[in-house]
Amino acid sequence: MQYKMNEIVEIVGITRKTLKNWLGRHVPEPKRAQNGYRVFSEDDLRQIMAYKQKLVATTNYHLGALK
């Protein structure tokens, strides 16, 4: 299954700005469709969720702070 950015941020519970900040730094950049939009795979989603969990666990972030 493939996801659009708005679907990813809704599932993960972060903002678009947060996700864009993480891309290429903390999680790999997803592939892009012919129209230039990012297209996220199941693996991309898992990596983003894992990074969020790691961030929350290691920095004592409250989940609301990422929104």
Protein backbone atom coordinates (compact mmCIF):
# COMPACT_ATOMS: atom_id res chain seq x y z
CA MET A 1 0.00 0.00 0.00
CA GLN A 2 1.14 3.55 -0.68
CA TYR A 3 0.38 6.64 1.36
CA LYS A 4 0.30 10.38 0.73
CA MET A 5 1.92 12.77 3.18
CA ASN A 6 -1.40 13.82 4.70
CA GLU A 7 -2.20 10.17 5.42
CA ILE A 8 1.18 9.58 7.05
CA VAL A 9 0.92 12.56 9.39
CA GLU A 10 -2.58 11.52 10.41
CA ILE A 11 -1.57 7.92 11.12
CA VAL A 12 1.64 8.84 12.98
CA GLY A 13 0.17 11.83 14.81
CA ILE A 14 2.69 14.50 13.78
CA THR A 15 2.51 17.65 11.70
CA ARG A 16 3.58 18.01 8.08
CA LYS A 17 6.31 20.37 9.25
CA THR A 18 7.68 17.75 11.67
CA LEU A 19 7.64 15.06 8.99
CA LYS A 20 9.40 17.28 6.47
CA ASN A 21 12.03 18.05 9.10
CA TRP A 22 12.65 14.34 9.72
CA LEU A 23 12.87 13.37 6.04
CA GLY A 24 16.42 12.88 4.86
CA ARG A 25 17.79 13.48 8.35
CA HIS A 26 16.23 10.85 10.57
CA VAL A 27 14.19 8.77 8.13
CA PRO A 28 14.91 8.06 4.46
CA GLU A 29 13.27 10.19 1.79
CA PRO A 30 10.35 8.35 0.18
CA LYS A 31 10.05 7.83 -3.54
CA ARG A 32 8.31 10.46 -5.62
CA ALA A 33 5.47 9.95 -8.05
CA GLN A 34 5.68 11.29 -11.60
CA ASN A 35 3.91 14.44 -10.43
CA GLY A 36 6.71 15.07 -7.89
CA TYR A 37 4.64 14.27 -4.81
CA ARG A 38 6.13 12.04 -2.14
CA VAL A 39 4.73 8.50 -2.05
CA PHE A 40 5.28 6.59 1.18
CA SER A 41 5.45 2.80 1.38
CA GLU A 42 4.55 0.52 4.30
CA ASP A 43 8.27 0.36 5.11
CA ASP A 44 8.51 4.17 5.11
CA LEU A 45 5.57 4.30 7.53
CA ARG A 46 7.22 1.75 9.84
CA GLN A 47 10.48 3.71 9.86
CA ILE A 48 8.71 6.98 10.65
CA MET A 49 6.73 5.37 13.47
CA ALA A 50 9.89 3.75 14.85
CA TYR A 51 11.73 7.08 14.81
CA LYS A 52 8.86 8.79 16.63
CA GLN A 53 8.83 6.04 19.28
CA LYS A 54 12.61 6.32 19.68
CA LEU A 55 12.40 10.10 20.01
CA VAL A 56 9.66 9.90 22.61
CA ALA A 57 11.48 7.19 24.58
CA THR A 58 14.90 8.84 24.57
CA THR A 59 13.93 12.45 25.15
CA ASN A 60 10.87 12.09 27.38
CA TYR A 61 8.87 14.07 24.83
CA HIS A 62 5.19 14.18 25.48
CA LEU A 63 3.37 12.95 22.39
CA GLY A 64 1.50 16.27 22.14
CA ALA A 65 4.81 18.12 21.78
CA LEU A 66 5.29 16.62 18.32
CA LYS A 67 2.11 18.14 16.96
